[in-house]
Amino acid sequence: MTERRIGPFILGRQIGAGGMGIVYLATHIESGKQVALKILPPALSDDEKLLERFEREIGILKRMKHPNIVKYYGGGTYQGQRWYAMEYVDGGSLHDILKKRKRLTWDQAIQVGRQLTSALEHAHNAGIIHRDLKPGNLFVTKNGRIKLGDFGIARDTEATALTAAGKTVGTYAYMAPEQIHGNGPISGKTDLYATGCLLYELLVGETPFVSANPAEMLMMHLNDYPYNLHEKAVECPLALDQLVERLLQKNQDDRPFDALAVNTELEHILKSGNEFVLDVSQEALKSTGASASVSVSIDPATGDVTVKKKKKKKKDKSQFYEKTWFLLAFLGLLIGAGVWLSLPAGEDTLYIKAKAAMSTADPVAHFDARSRYLRPYLARFPQGKFTAEIKSWLDDVEVSLLETQLDKRVRRPADGRNRYETECLKAMRAAADPARNLLESLEMFQAMIESLPQDEGVKAAAAEAVDSTADPETNAADEMISVPRFWKIIAEKKRDAGKQILLSNSDRIMLIRERMTAANQMLKDGKTDEAKQIFHRFREIFEGEKEIQDWLDYAKFRLHGDAVEMPALPELPEGDEK
C-alpha cells in the first residue's frame, strides 16, 4: 500500500472527525514521533469562513502551554491542504474510560476535575473559552494525566450539519443555558457549567439531563434541575454535592467565581474527605487472586488497580526481645494503656465530638457528624445518657437534608417519592403560586400534620409510594422519607413560616376575608365537610393570635353552624381612601 504523506508526516489511521476537519495518527518522518495531525479537507478549504476558523484554532493552540492541554507542534499547507500537528495522547479519552467503567469514585472524579480546572484557568486567563467540554475532548495519558483538546468549537451551523446525531446530542448534554438561548454573555462560567455536567457524569454514570431528543434536552438545561448526587445514591462528601449543584446553576452569577476557585475547592474537599476513603480489603484482593504480600495503588484518573508484590526481608536472627518489633509493640502497649486510662469512655468521646460539630453553622460538618458520631452513638448506646440530645441533633440533620431535596424537587412537575413528600410538594407549590390565596397552602400543611401517623411503627405502610415507577432510582434518603416525625417537623416549619408571612402582610384581612367567603360558598354548594375543614384549620393555625381574634371567633361560630356576620373591615386612615 502506498504511503500517504502530508508535509513531513506519514499518515496512519483516522482517529477523529468533525466539522472542522479530520484527525489522523501520523508519524514524523525524520524523528519517528507519533502525532495527531488535523487536516482541513480540500472540499472545505475553499470556504473562507472555515479556513478562518481553522487558522483561529491554530492561533489558540499556539497560546496554550499547559501540562493539562494538548500541545501544538506546528502547521502548514501541503498541496492546497491546511494542516497542523499536535500531541498524540496514547491512553484514549475519558469517554473510553466511562464506557468501560460506567463511573468513577468521588476522589477519582475530583482528581479529574482538578486537572480540568487547572487547564481551564490557563485558557481563561488567555481569554479562551473552550465551549465544548465533554469526556470525548478530555484525553488521558498512560500515566493518568488529563489533557484538554479540541479547541475548534466555533462551529458554523450552516456548514456542520453533517455532525452525527449522537455526537450532537452528546455536545448538547453539556451545554450551558446561556449557550442555548443567547441572552447572556459566553464566559468562563459557561465552561464551569459544562464542568459541573462532566463531574456529575463521572460520579453518577450519566449526564444531569438525559434525552434522545436534542430539543427536549436543551429545554431541560433551561428549565429543569437534576437530581443531586445523594439522591442518585452517590457516596461522596456533601461539599462535593453542593459544589456540583452550584456549577449547574442556570444563572451564571450563581456559579463559582472562576476555574481557580473550583480547583481550590476541589483540593479542599479531597483533603478533608480523604479520611472517608476505605482501603482495599483483603477479601477484595483475594477475589483477584492476589496474596496478602502485595501493595495496591489506584490510578487517580482511570481507577485502575495495580497490584505489586512486596519485597521479602532478610530473616533477623536476633533474640525476640531484642527485635525492633517487640520493643515497639511493648512501647505501644505502654502508651496505649496510658491513653486508654486518660481518655473518657467511648460514649463521652462520641458525644463531645458530636457536640463540637453540631455547634458550628457549617452544614458540611453536620452531615459528617451524622455518619461519624450521631448514628454510631445511637447504635452503640441506644439507652445512653445523651441519647435524647443525640436524637434531636440527628433529626435536625435528617430534616435539613430532606428540605434540601424538597427545594430542588418543588421545581419539577413530578410527584414525590411517597405520600408524605407528595403532599408537602403540593403545599409548597401552592405557596409559590401568586394566583392562590396564601391560606390555602397553610391549610395544606396543617392537613398534612393532622394526617401523619403518631406511631412510628406504621411508617412503611403509611408512606407507601404513590407511583413506584415515578422515581425508580434508589437513593440515600429512602429511609428518611418514610419517617413521619421528619415530615411533621418540616410541615410545621413551613406552616409557621407561612403564617408569619401572612400576618405581616398589609392585605392579611382581605386574604382572610376572601378565604372565609370561599368557605361560605362551599356551604351553599353543599360541600359542608370541605367548608368546615377551612374553618377548623384556620383556628388551629392561628390559635392565640390576638390581632385576628375576631376572625378566629367567626370561624368558630361558622364551624358550629351558627349564622354570624363577618367582622367589619378596618377603617382606613384619612387620606388612604381609594
Protein backbone atom coordinates (compact mmCIF):
# COMPACT_ATOMS: atom_id res chain seq x y z
CA MET A 1 0.00 0.00 0.00
CA THR A 2 1.35 3.45 -0.96
CA GLU A 3 2.12 5.67 2.00
CA ARG A 4 0.13 8.86 2.12
CA ARG A 5 2.16 11.88 3.12
CA ILE A 6 1.22 15.33 4.34
CA GLY A 7 4.21 17.62 4.67
CA PRO A 8 6.85 15.92 6.88
CA PHE A 9 4.38 13.27 8.11
CA ILE A 10 3.22 9.82 7.03
CA LEU A 11 -0.49 9.39 7.65
CA GLY A 12 -1.78 6.44 9.63
CA ARG A 13 -5.32 5.55 10.67
CA GLN A 14 -8.08 8.10 11.14
CA ILE A 15 -8.68 8.79 14.86
CA GLY A 16 -11.26 11.59 14.73
CA ALA A 17 -13.53 13.68 12.52
CA GLY A 18 -15.77 16.70 12.75
CA GLY A 19 -16.99 19.80 11.01
CA MET A 20 -13.55 21.40 11.26
CA GLY A 21 -11.52 18.60 9.70
CA ILE A 22 -10.25 15.04 10.01
CA VAL A 23 -7.65 13.90 12.55
CA TYR A 24 -5.13 11.16 11.71
CA LEU A 25 -2.48 9.36 13.69
CA ALA A 26 0.69 10.36 11.85
CA THR A 27 4.42 9.75 12.13
CA HIS A 28 7.06 12.43 11.75
CA ILE A 29 9.39 11.06 9.05
CA GLU A 30 12.62 12.48 10.46
CA SER A 31 12.14 11.76 14.20
CA GLY A 32 9.67 8.86 14.13
CA LYS A 33 7.50 10.68 16.68
CA GLN A 34 3.77 10.00 16.56
CA VAL A 35 1.44 13.00 16.44
CA ALA A 36 -2.23 13.75 15.91
CA LEU A 37 -2.50 15.50 12.56
CA LYS A 38 -5.57 17.59 11.80
CA ILE A 39 -6.31 18.26 8.13
CA LEU A 40 -8.85 20.55 6.53
CA PRO A 41 -10.23 18.56 3.55
CA PRO A 42 -9.89 20.16 0.08
CA ALA A 43 -13.69 20.42 -0.24
CA LEU A 44 -13.75 22.72 2.79
CA SER A 45 -10.52 24.63 2.13
CA ASP A 46 -12.27 26.96 -0.33
CA ASP A 47 -14.72 28.12 2.35
CA GLU A 48 -13.23 31.34 3.68
CA LYS A 49 -15.15 31.15 6.97
CA LEU A 50 -13.99 27.60 7.68
CA LEU A 51 -10.44 28.45 6.73
CA GLU A 52 -10.54 31.46 9.04
CA ARG A 53 -11.82 29.31 11.90
CA PHE A 54 -9.11 26.70 11.24
CA GLU A 55 -6.47 29.42 11.43
CA ARG A 56 -8.06 30.76 14.63
CA GLU A 57 -7.89 27.29 16.17
CA ILE A 58 -4.19 27.15 15.35
CA GLY A 59 -3.73 30.57 16.93
CA ILE A 60 -5.47 29.41 20.11
CA LEU A 61 -3.34 26.25 20.42
CA LYS A 62 -0.16 28.26 19.96
CA ARG A 63 -1.05 30.23 23.10
CA MET A 64 -1.87 27.14 25.18
CA LYS A 65 1.19 25.94 27.07
CA HIS A 66 -0.01 23.88 30.00
CA PRO A 67 0.61 20.27 31.14
CA ASN A 68 -3.13 19.54 31.03
CA ILE A 69 -3.68 20.90 27.49
CA VAL A 70 -2.76 19.08 24.28
CA LYS A 71 0.49 20.54 22.87
CA TYR A 72 0.70 22.27 19.47
CA TYR A 73 3.73 21.31 17.34
CA GLY A 74 3.27 23.32 14.15
CA GLY A 75 1.29 23.58 10.94
CA GLY A 76 1.45 24.31 7.25
CA THR A 77 -0.08 23.77 3.82
CA TYR A 78 0.55 20.74 1.62
CA GLN A 79 -0.77 20.61 -1.93
CA GLY A 80 -3.50 23.09 -1.05
CA GLN A 81 -4.49 21.32 2.19
CA ARG A 82 -4.12 23.17 5.51
CA TRP A 83 -2.91 21.05 8.43
CA TYR A 84 -1.42 21.26 11.89
CA ALA A 85 0.21 18.73 14.22
CA MET A 86 -0.49 18.31 17.91
CA GLU A 87 0.36 15.97 20.75
CA TYR A 88 -0.95 12.43 20.38
CA VAL A 89 -2.31 11.19 23.72
CA ASP A 90 -1.90 7.43 23.90
CA GLY A 91 -4.36 6.48 26.64
CA GLY A 92 -7.63 7.17 24.85
CA SER A 93 -10.24 9.58 26.15
CA LEU A 94 -12.29 9.92 29.31
CA HIS A 95 -15.25 8.81 27.19
CA ASP A 96 -13.48 5.47 26.58
CA ILE A 97 -12.89 5.03 30.31
CA LEU A 98 -16.54 5.75 31.14
CA LYS A 99 -17.69 3.19 28.57
CA LYS A 100 -15.66 0.55 30.39
CA ARG A 101 -16.13 1.63 34.00
CA LYS A 102 -19.54 3.39 33.91
CA ARG A 103 -18.46 5.88 36.62
CA LEU A 104 -15.57 6.84 38.90
CA THR A 105 -15.24 7.08 42.66
CA TRP A 106 -15.68 10.55 44.14
CA ASP A 107 -11.94 11.02 44.82
CA GLN A 108 -11.05 9.92 41.26
CA ALA A 109 -13.63 12.37 39.89
CA ILE A 110 -12.05 15.17 41.96
CA GLN A 111 -8.62 14.34 40.53
CA VAL A 112 -10.04 14.66 37.02
CA GLY A 113 -11.84 17.88 37.98
CA ARG A 114 -8.69 19.42 39.43
CA GLN A 115 -6.69 18.75 36.27
CA LEU A 116 -9.51 20.06 34.07
CA THR A 117 -10.00 23.25 36.08
CA SER A 118 -6.23 23.83 36.09
CA ALA A 119 -6.33 23.69 32.28
CA LEU A 120 -9.38 25.96 32.19
CA GLU A 121 -7.72 28.52 34.46
CA HIS A 122 -4.83 28.74 31.99
CA ALA A 123 -7.16 29.01 28.99
CA HIS A 124 -9.46 31.57 30.60
CA ASN A 125 -6.52 33.73 31.65
CA ALA A 126 -5.53 33.76 27.97
CA GLY A 127 -9.04 34.86 27.02
CA ILE A 128 -10.05 31.46 25.61
CA ILE A 129 -13.42 29.84 26.38
CA HIS A 130 -13.48 26.19 25.32
CA ARG A 131 -17.29 25.86 24.98
CA ASP A 132 -17.25 22.13 24.19
CA LEU A 133 -16.16 20.32 27.33
CA LYS A 134 -17.17 16.64 27.35
CA PRO A 135 -15.46 13.30 28.07
CA GLY A 136 -14.57 12.83 24.40
CA ASN A 137 -12.45 16.00 24.46
CA LEU A 138 -10.53 15.01 27.59
CA PHE A 139 -7.68 12.70 26.67
CA VAL A 140 -5.82 10.52 29.16
CA THR A 141 -2.14 9.63 29.03
CA LYS A 142 -0.98 6.19 30.10
CA ASN A 143 0.28 7.64 33.40
CA GLY A 144 -3.16 9.10 34.19
CA ARG A 145 -2.74 12.76 33.21
CA ILE A 146 -5.74 14.54 31.72
CA LYS A 147 -5.19 16.56 28.53
CA LEU A 148 -7.82 19.00 27.28
CA GLY A 149 -8.13 19.07 23.50
CA ASP A 150 -10.33 20.13 20.55
CA PHE A 151 -10.46 23.92 20.70
CA GLY A 152 -12.39 24.09 17.43
CA ILE A 153 -15.88 24.60 18.88
CA ALA A 154 -16.60 27.85 16.95
CA ARG A 155 -18.92 25.86 14.78
CA ASP A 156 -20.79 27.20 11.81
CA THR A 157 -24.23 25.61 11.96
CA GLU A 158 -24.70 26.09 8.23
CA ALA A 159 -21.54 24.14 7.42
CA THR A 160 -21.58 21.47 10.12
CA ALA A 161 -24.99 19.87 9.80
CA LEU A 162 -23.00 16.75 8.83
CA THR A 163 -22.21 16.16 12.52
CA ALA A 164 -23.54 12.78 13.59
CA ALA A 165 -26.75 12.87 15.59
CA GLY A 166 -25.25 11.01 18.53
CA LYS A 167 -22.31 13.36 18.73
CA THR A 168 -24.55 16.40 18.54
CA VAL A 169 -26.71 15.14 21.41
CA GLY A 170 -23.55 14.39 23.35
CA THR A 171 -22.47 18.02 23.00
CA TYR A 172 -25.95 19.22 23.97
CA ALA A 173 -25.67 17.22 27.18
CA TYR A 174 -23.04 19.70 28.49
CA MET A 175 -24.40 22.95 27.06
CA ALA A 176 -24.95 25.89 29.42
CA PRO A 177 -28.27 27.80 29.32
CA GLU A 178 -26.58 30.96 28.01
CA GLN A 179 -25.24 28.97 25.04
CA ILE A 180 -28.76 27.82 24.23
CA HIS A 181 -30.83 30.98 24.49
CA GLY A 182 -28.05 33.50 23.76
CA ASN A 183 -29.36 36.03 26.30
CA GLY A 184 -26.23 36.11 28.44
CA PRO A 185 -22.55 36.53 27.54
CA ILE A 186 -20.41 33.43 26.97
CA SER A 187 -17.74 33.47 29.67
CA GLY A 188 -15.51 31.22 31.70
CA LYS A 189 -18.58 30.33 33.74
CA THR A 190 -20.00 28.69 30.61
CA ASP A 191 -17.14 26.19 30.84
CA LEU A 192 -17.82 25.82 34.57
CA TYR A 193 -21.40 24.71 33.83
CA ALA A 194 -20.03 22.04 31.47
CA THR A 195 -17.53 21.07 34.18
CA GLY A 196 -20.47 20.50 36.53
CA CYS A 197 -22.18 18.31 33.91
CA LEU A 198 -18.97 16.35 33.44
CA LEU A 199 -18.35 15.84 37.18
CA TYR A 200 -21.98 14.75 37.56
CA GLU A 201 -21.47 12.16 34.79
CA LEU A 202 -18.23 10.88 36.31
CA LEU A 203 -19.96 10.36 39.68
CA VAL A 204 -23.41 9.14 38.57
CA GLY A 205 -22.69 7.35 35.31
CA GLU A 206 -24.96 9.61 33.23
CA THR A 207 -25.26 13.31 32.43
CA PRO A 208 -27.58 15.55 34.52
CA PHE A 209 -30.19 15.52 31.75
CA VAL A 210 -30.84 12.50 29.53
CA SER A 211 -32.97 12.51 26.39
CA ALA A 212 -32.75 11.09 22.87
CA ASN A 213 -34.40 14.28 21.61
CA PRO A 214 -31.93 17.22 21.30
CA ALA A 215 -34.67 19.83 21.61
CA GLU A 216 -36.01 18.22 24.78
CA MET A 217 -32.50 18.09 26.25
CA LEU A 218 -31.96 21.78 25.57
CA MET A 219 -35.24 22.61 27.30
CA MET A 220 -34.11 20.55 30.31
CA HIS A 221 -30.95 22.66 30.57
CA LEU A 222 -33.08 25.80 30.50
CA ASN A 223 -35.90 24.79 32.85
CA ASP A 224 -35.19 21.61 34.82
CA TYR A 225 -33.00 20.79 37.80
CA PRO A 226 -31.17 17.45 38.04
CA TYR A 227 -31.29 15.09 40.98
CA ASN A 228 -28.48 15.79 43.41
CA LEU A 229 -25.69 13.28 43.92
CA HIS A 230 -27.04 11.84 47.16
CA GLU A 231 -30.45 11.27 45.54
CA LYS A 232 -28.58 9.18 42.98
CA ALA A 233 -27.02 7.12 45.80
CA VAL A 234 -23.54 8.54 45.16
CA GLU A 235 -21.30 8.21 48.20
CA CYS A 236 -19.35 11.43 48.34
CA PRO A 237 -18.74 14.35 50.72
CA LEU A 238 -21.70 16.71 50.98
CA ALA A 239 -19.36 19.56 49.97
CA LEU A 240 -18.79 17.91 46.57
CA ASP A 241 -22.55 17.50 46.08
CA GLN A 242 -23.02 21.20 46.87
CA LEU A 243 -20.19 22.27 44.54
CA VAL A 244 -21.67 20.32 41.60
CA GLU A 245 -25.06 21.88 42.37
CA ARG A 246 -23.53 25.39 42.23
CA LEU A 247 -21.74 24.62 38.97
CA LEU A 248 -25.08 23.63 37.42
CA GLN A 249 -26.92 26.83 38.32
CA LYS A 250 -28.90 28.38 35.44
CA ASN A 251 -27.74 31.90 36.29
CA GLN A 252 -24.01 32.48 35.70
CA ASP A 253 -23.81 34.73 38.76
CA ASP A 254 -24.81 31.79 40.98
CA ARG A 255 -21.90 29.64 39.81
CA PRO A 256 -18.42 29.71 41.41
CA PHE A 257 -16.28 32.75 40.63
CA ASP A 258 -13.78 31.08 38.30
CA ALA A 259 -11.90 27.86 37.49
CA LEU A 260 -9.25 28.61 40.13
CA ALA A 261 -11.95 28.85 42.81
CA VAL A 262 -13.35 25.46 41.75
CA ASN A 263 -9.87 23.93 41.69
CA THR A 264 -9.15 25.22 45.20
CA GLU A 265 -12.47 23.95 46.50
CA LEU A 266 -11.90 20.51 44.95
CA GLU A 267 -8.48 20.33 46.61
CA HIS A 268 -10.02 21.21 49.98
CA ILE A 269 -12.77 18.58 49.59
CA LEU A 270 -10.20 15.93 48.65
CA LYS A 271 -8.00 16.72 51.65
CA SER A 272 -10.85 16.91 54.16
CA GLY A 273 -12.62 13.90 52.70
CA ASN A 274 -9.66 11.52 52.48
CA GLU A 275 -10.41 10.07 55.90
CA PHE A 276 -13.62 8.58 54.48
CA VAL A 277 -11.80 6.63 51.71
CA LEU A 278 -11.60 2.96 52.63
CA ASP A 279 -8.53 0.82 51.88
CA VAL A 280 -8.85 -2.10 49.52
CA SER A 281 -9.96 -5.03 51.66
CA GLN A 282 -8.08 -8.30 51.84
CA GLU A 283 -11.29 -10.02 50.70
CA ALA A 284 -11.25 -7.93 47.54
CA LEU A 285 -7.61 -8.77 46.96
CA LYS A 286 -8.27 -12.49 47.42
CA SER A 287 -11.08 -12.31 44.88
CA THR A 288 -8.49 -11.14 42.32
CA GLY A 289 -6.16 -13.99 43.19
CA ALA A 290 -3.68 -11.75 44.98
CA SER A 291 -1.98 -12.78 48.20
CA ALA A 292 -1.60 -10.77 51.36
CA SER A 293 2.01 -9.89 50.43
CA VAL A 294 1.02 -7.25 47.93
CA SER A 295 0.58 -3.49 47.82
CA VAL A 296 -2.20 -1.78 45.93
CA SER A 297 -2.26 1.53 44.07
CA ILE A 298 -5.19 3.13 42.22
CA ASP A 299 -4.78 5.35 39.15
CA PRO A 300 -6.49 8.66 40.11
CA ALA A 301 -7.74 9.23 36.58
CA THR A 302 -8.85 5.76 35.48
CA GLY A 303 -9.40 3.95 38.74
CA ASP A 304 -7.29 1.02 37.52
CA VAL A 305 -5.91 -1.13 40.35
CA THR A 306 -2.23 -2.06 40.22
CA VAL A 307 -1.08 -4.92 42.44
CA LYS A 308 2.63 -5.16 43.30
CA LYS A 309 4.42 -7.87 45.26
CA LYS A 310 6.23 -6.73 48.34
CA LYS A 311 9.93 -7.50 48.62
CA LYS A 312 10.89 -10.17 51.13
CA LYS A 313 13.02 -9.04 54.03
CA LYS A 314 16.09 -10.90 55.23
CA LYS A 315 15.46 -13.06 58.27
CA ASP A 316 16.51 -11.44 61.54
CA LYS A 317 18.33 -13.96 63.80
CA SER A 318 18.46 -11.79 66.96
CA GLN A 319 16.58 -12.70 70.16
CA PHE A 320 12.87 -11.81 70.05
CA TYR A 321 13.16 -9.34 72.96
CA GLU A 322 15.95 -7.51 71.09
CA LYS A 323 13.94 -7.16 67.91
CA THR A 324 12.55 -3.80 66.90
CA TRP A 325 9.02 -5.10 66.52
CA PHE A 326 8.98 -6.34 70.12
CA LEU A 327 10.36 -3.10 71.54
CA LEU A 328 7.90 -1.03 69.50
CA ALA A 329 4.99 -3.26 70.42
CA PHE A 330 5.87 -3.08 74.12
CA LEU A 331 6.24 0.70 73.93
CA GLY A 332 2.92 0.87 72.08
CA LEU A 333 1.21 -1.11 74.82
CA LEU A 334 2.53 1.27 77.47
CA ILE A 335 1.44 4.34 75.53
CA GLY A 336 -1.90 2.76 74.65
CA ALA A 337 -2.60 1.88 78.26
CA GLY A 338 -1.84 5.43 79.35
CA VAL A 339 -4.04 6.93 76.65
CA TRP A 340 -6.83 4.47 77.40
CA LEU A 341 -6.75 5.36 81.09
CA SER A 342 -6.70 9.11 80.42
CA LEU A 343 -9.48 9.24 77.83
CA PRO A 344 -13.16 9.40 78.76
CA ALA A 345 -15.41 6.49 77.91
CA GLY A 346 -16.33 5.91 74.27
CA GLU A 347 -19.82 7.28 74.88
CA ASP A 348 -18.44 10.57 76.22
CA THR A 349 -15.96 10.87 73.34
CA LEU A 350 -18.66 10.44 70.71
CA TYR A 351 -20.88 12.96 72.45
CA ILE A 352 -18.11 15.58 72.75
CA LYS A 353 -17.20 15.27 69.07
CA ALA A 354 -20.84 15.36 68.03
CA LYS A 355 -21.47 18.47 70.12
CA ALA A 356 -18.44 20.22 68.65
CA ALA A 357 -19.63 19.51 65.09
CA MET A 358 -23.25 20.45 65.74
CA SER A 359 -22.25 23.69 67.50
CA THR A 360 -21.00 25.11 64.20
CA ALA A 361 -23.15 26.65 61.48
CA ASP A 362 -21.45 24.53 58.82
CA PRO A 363 -23.91 22.10 57.15
CA VAL A 364 -20.98 20.02 55.88
CA ALA A 365 -19.84 19.45 59.47
CA HIS A 366 -23.40 18.48 60.42
CA PHE A 367 -23.61 15.97 57.57
CA ASP A 368 -20.25 14.42 58.51
CA ALA A 369 -21.33 14.24 62.17
CA ARG A 370 -24.40 12.28 61.10
CA SER A 371 -22.33 9.32 59.88
CA ARG A 372 -19.30 9.66 62.17
CA TYR A 373 -20.83 10.42 65.57
CA LEU A 374 -24.64 10.62 65.74
CA ARG A 375 -25.63 7.33 64.15
CA PRO A 376 -22.71 5.39 65.73
CA TYR A 377 -23.67 6.75 69.16
CA LEU A 378 -27.28 5.60 68.86
CA ALA A 379 -26.16 2.21 67.50
CA ARG A 380 -23.78 1.64 70.42
CA PHE A 381 -25.63 3.42 73.21
CA PRO A 382 -29.39 3.29 72.47
CA GLN A 383 -30.13 3.96 76.16
CA GLY A 384 -27.16 6.25 76.76
CA LYS A 385 -27.15 9.33 78.95
CA PHE A 386 -27.01 11.65 75.91
CA THR A 387 -29.44 9.70 73.73
CA ALA A 388 -32.20 12.33 73.75
CA GLU A 389 -29.84 15.13 72.68
CA ILE A 390 -28.14 12.97 70.05
CA LYS A 391 -31.55 12.02 68.60
CA SER A 392 -32.53 15.67 68.45
CA TRP A 393 -29.35 16.57 66.55
CA LEU A 394 -29.79 13.66 64.18
CA ASP A 395 -33.37 14.71 63.47
CA ASP A 396 -32.14 18.23 62.66
CA VAL A 397 -29.61 16.88 60.15
CA GLU A 398 -32.07 14.47 58.53
CA VAL A 399 -34.68 17.20 58.23
CA SER A 400 -32.13 19.59 56.74
CA LEU A 401 -31.22 17.02 54.08
CA LEU A 402 -34.89 16.42 53.26
CA GLU A 403 -35.51 20.16 52.99
CA THR A 404 -32.58 20.50 50.56
CA GLN A 405 -34.08 17.78 48.39
CA LEU A 406 -37.54 19.35 48.60
CA ASP A 407 -36.22 22.72 47.42
CA LYS A 408 -34.96 21.01 44.27
CA ARG A 409 -37.94 18.73 43.69
CA VAL A 410 -40.51 21.51 44.05
CA ARG A 411 -39.26 22.94 40.75
CA ARG A 412 -40.12 19.71 38.93
CA PRO A 413 -43.63 18.70 37.88
CA ALA A 414 -43.36 15.13 39.18
CA ASP A 415 -44.90 13.79 42.41
CA GLY A 416 -42.80 12.92 45.43
CA ARG A 417 -41.33 9.54 46.28
CA ASN A 418 -44.13 8.75 48.74
CA ARG A 419 -47.36 10.23 50.07
CA TYR A 420 -45.67 12.49 52.62
CA GLU A 421 -43.34 14.09 50.09
CA THR A 422 -46.12 14.45 47.50
CA GLU A 423 -48.38 16.31 49.98
CA CYS A 424 -45.54 18.56 51.07
CA LEU A 425 -44.59 19.41 47.48
CA LYS A 426 -48.21 20.29 46.63
CA ALA A 427 -48.37 22.66 49.60
CA MET A 428 -45.03 24.26 48.66
CA ARG A 429 -46.17 24.78 45.07
CA ALA A 430 -49.42 26.31 46.29
CA ALA A 431 -47.45 28.72 48.49
CA ALA A 432 -45.35 29.78 45.49
CA ASP A 433 -48.39 30.29 43.22
CA PRO A 434 -49.28 34.02 43.19
CA ALA A 435 -52.76 33.19 41.87
CA ARG A 436 -53.68 31.27 45.03
CA ASN A 437 -54.60 32.57 48.47
CA LEU A 438 -51.71 32.03 50.88
CA LEU A 439 -54.12 30.49 53.38
CA GLU A 440 -54.64 27.52 51.05
CA SER A 441 -51.03 26.37 51.42
CA LEU A 442 -51.17 26.84 55.21
CA GLU A 443 -54.28 24.65 55.31
CA MET A 444 -52.49 22.01 53.23
CA PHE A 445 -49.54 21.93 55.65
CA GLN A 446 -51.98 21.75 58.59
CA ALA A 447 -53.89 18.89 56.93
CA MET A 448 -50.60 17.06 56.42
CA ILE A 449 -49.67 17.48 60.11
CA GLU A 450 -53.05 16.15 61.23
CA SER A 451 -52.87 13.15 58.90
CA LEU A 452 -49.39 11.98 59.91
CA PRO A 453 -49.42 8.76 61.97
CA GLN A 454 -48.35 9.11 65.57
CA ASP A 455 -46.97 5.56 65.67
CA GLU A 456 -43.57 5.28 64.00
CA GLY A 457 -44.16 1.57 63.57
CA VAL A 458 -46.67 2.15 60.79
CA LYS A 459 -44.34 4.32 58.74
CA ALA A 460 -43.71 1.80 55.97
CA ALA A 461 -47.38 1.35 55.12
CA ALA A 462 -48.30 5.00 55.64
CA ALA A 463 -45.50 6.23 53.41
CA GLU A 464 -46.19 3.86 50.53
CA ALA A 465 -45.14 5.47 47.25
CA VAL A 466 -47.95 6.89 45.13
CA ASP A 467 -46.31 5.55 41.97
CA SER A 468 -43.46 3.09 42.13
CA THR A 469 -42.44 3.96 38.57
CA ALA A 470 -42.39 7.72 39.05
CA ASP A 471 -38.93 7.82 40.55
CA PRO A 472 -37.22 4.42 40.21
CA GLU A 473 -33.77 5.48 41.39
CA THR A 474 -32.51 4.04 44.62
CA ASN A 475 -31.35 6.92 46.79
CA ALA A 476 -29.75 7.53 50.12
CA ALA A 477 -32.87 9.16 51.55
CA ASP A 478 -35.17 6.13 51.24
CA GLU A 479 -35.12 5.58 55.00
CA MET A 480 -35.53 9.25 55.90
CA ILE A 481 -38.53 9.91 53.66
CA SER A 482 -40.54 7.19 55.46
CA VAL A 483 -40.23 8.72 58.93
CA PRO A 484 -43.43 10.63 59.89
CA ARG A 485 -41.82 12.82 62.56
CA PHE A 486 -39.43 14.31 59.98
CA TRP A 487 -42.36 15.34 57.81
CA LYS A 488 -44.19 16.74 60.83
CA ILE A 489 -41.17 18.92 61.65
CA ILE A 490 -40.93 20.12 58.03
CA ALA A 491 -44.67 20.77 57.69
CA GLU A 492 -44.77 22.70 60.98
CA LYS A 493 -41.76 24.81 60.00
CA LYS A 494 -43.22 25.70 56.61
CA ARG A 495 -46.68 26.32 58.07
CA ASP A 496 -45.32 28.62 60.77
CA ALA A 497 -43.12 30.48 58.27
CA GLY A 498 -46.12 30.99 56.01
CA LYS A 499 -48.24 32.14 58.95
CA GLN A 500 -45.72 34.86 59.80
CA ILE A 501 -45.65 35.98 56.17
CA LEU A 502 -49.44 36.30 56.15
CA LEU A 503 -49.62 38.13 59.49
CA SER A 504 -47.02 40.65 58.32
CA ASN A 505 -48.88 41.21 55.02
CA SER A 506 -50.73 44.52 54.90
CA ASP A 507 -53.52 42.75 53.00
CA ARG A 508 -53.90 39.96 55.57
CA ILE A 509 -57.52 40.87 56.46
CA MET A 510 -58.53 40.83 52.80
CA LEU A 511 -56.86 37.42 52.35
CA ILE A 512 -58.68 36.02 55.40
CA ARG A 513 -62.00 37.51 54.30
CA GLU A 514 -61.54 36.05 50.80
CA ARG A 515 -60.91 32.57 52.23
CA MET A 516 -63.88 32.74 54.60
CA THR A 517 -66.08 33.86 51.72
CA ALA A 518 -64.92 30.81 49.73
CA ALA A 519 -65.82 28.55 52.66
CA ASN A 520 -69.28 30.10 52.94
CA GLN A 521 -69.82 29.48 49.23
CA MET A 522 -68.89 25.84 49.74
CA LEU A 523 -71.60 25.60 52.41
CA LYS A 524 -74.14 26.96 49.96
CA ASP A 525 -72.96 24.45 47.35
CA GLY A 526 -73.44 21.56 49.76
CA LYS A 527 -69.72 20.99 50.32
CA THR A 528 -70.12 21.05 54.08
CA ASP A 529 -67.10 18.93 55.00
CA GLU A 530 -64.71 20.99 52.88
CA ALA A 531 -66.03 24.26 54.32
CA LYS A 532 -65.75 23.00 57.91
CA GLN A 533 -62.15 21.94 57.27
CA ILE A 534 -61.30 25.52 56.26
CA PHE A 535 -62.84 26.93 59.46
CA HIS A 536 -61.22 24.23 61.61
CA ARG A 537 -57.72 24.59 60.14
CA PHE A 538 -57.86 28.37 60.32
CA ARG A 539 -58.46 28.10 64.06
CA GLU A 540 -55.70 25.51 64.51
CA ILE A 541 -53.15 27.55 62.55
CA PHE A 542 -53.81 30.94 64.14
CA GLU A 543 -54.79 29.93 67.68
CA GLY A 544 -53.66 32.61 70.14
CA GLU A 545 -53.10 35.35 67.54
CA LYS A 546 -55.00 38.17 69.28
CA GLU A 547 -54.79 40.64 66.40
CA ILE A 548 -57.18 38.44 64.38
CA GLN A 549 -59.23 37.17 67.34
CA ASP A 550 -62.47 38.40 65.78
CA TRP A 551 -61.83 36.16 62.76
CA LEU A 552 -60.97 33.20 65.00
CA ASP A 553 -64.31 33.70 66.76
CA TYR A 554 -66.08 33.96 63.41
CA ALA A 555 -64.52 30.67 62.22
CA LYS A 556 -65.61 29.01 65.49
CA PHE A 557 -69.24 30.09 65.07
CA ARG A 558 -69.33 29.03 61.42
CA LEU A 559 -67.75 25.69 62.28
CA HIS A 560 -70.67 25.04 64.65
CA GLY A 561 -73.18 26.11 62.02
CA ASP A 562 -74.07 29.48 63.59
CA ALA A 563 -75.10 32.27 61.26
CA VAL A 564 -72.99 35.33 62.09
CA GLU A 565 -71.77 38.37 60.25
CA MET A 566 -68.19 38.62 59.12
CA PRO A 567 -66.03 41.03 61.12
CA ALA A 568 -66.08 44.52 59.66
CA LEU A 569 -63.12 45.66 57.60
CA PRO A 570 -60.83 48.05 59.47
CA GLU A 571 -61.36 51.71 58.73
CA LEU A 572 -58.71 53.28 56.55
CA PRO A 573 -56.87 56.31 57.95
CA GLU A 574 -57.88 59.64 56.47
CA GLY A 575 -56.32 60.22 53.10
CA ASP A 576 -55.98 56.48 52.38
CA GLU A 577 -59.44 56.04 50.85
CA LYS A 578 -59.31 54.59 47.39
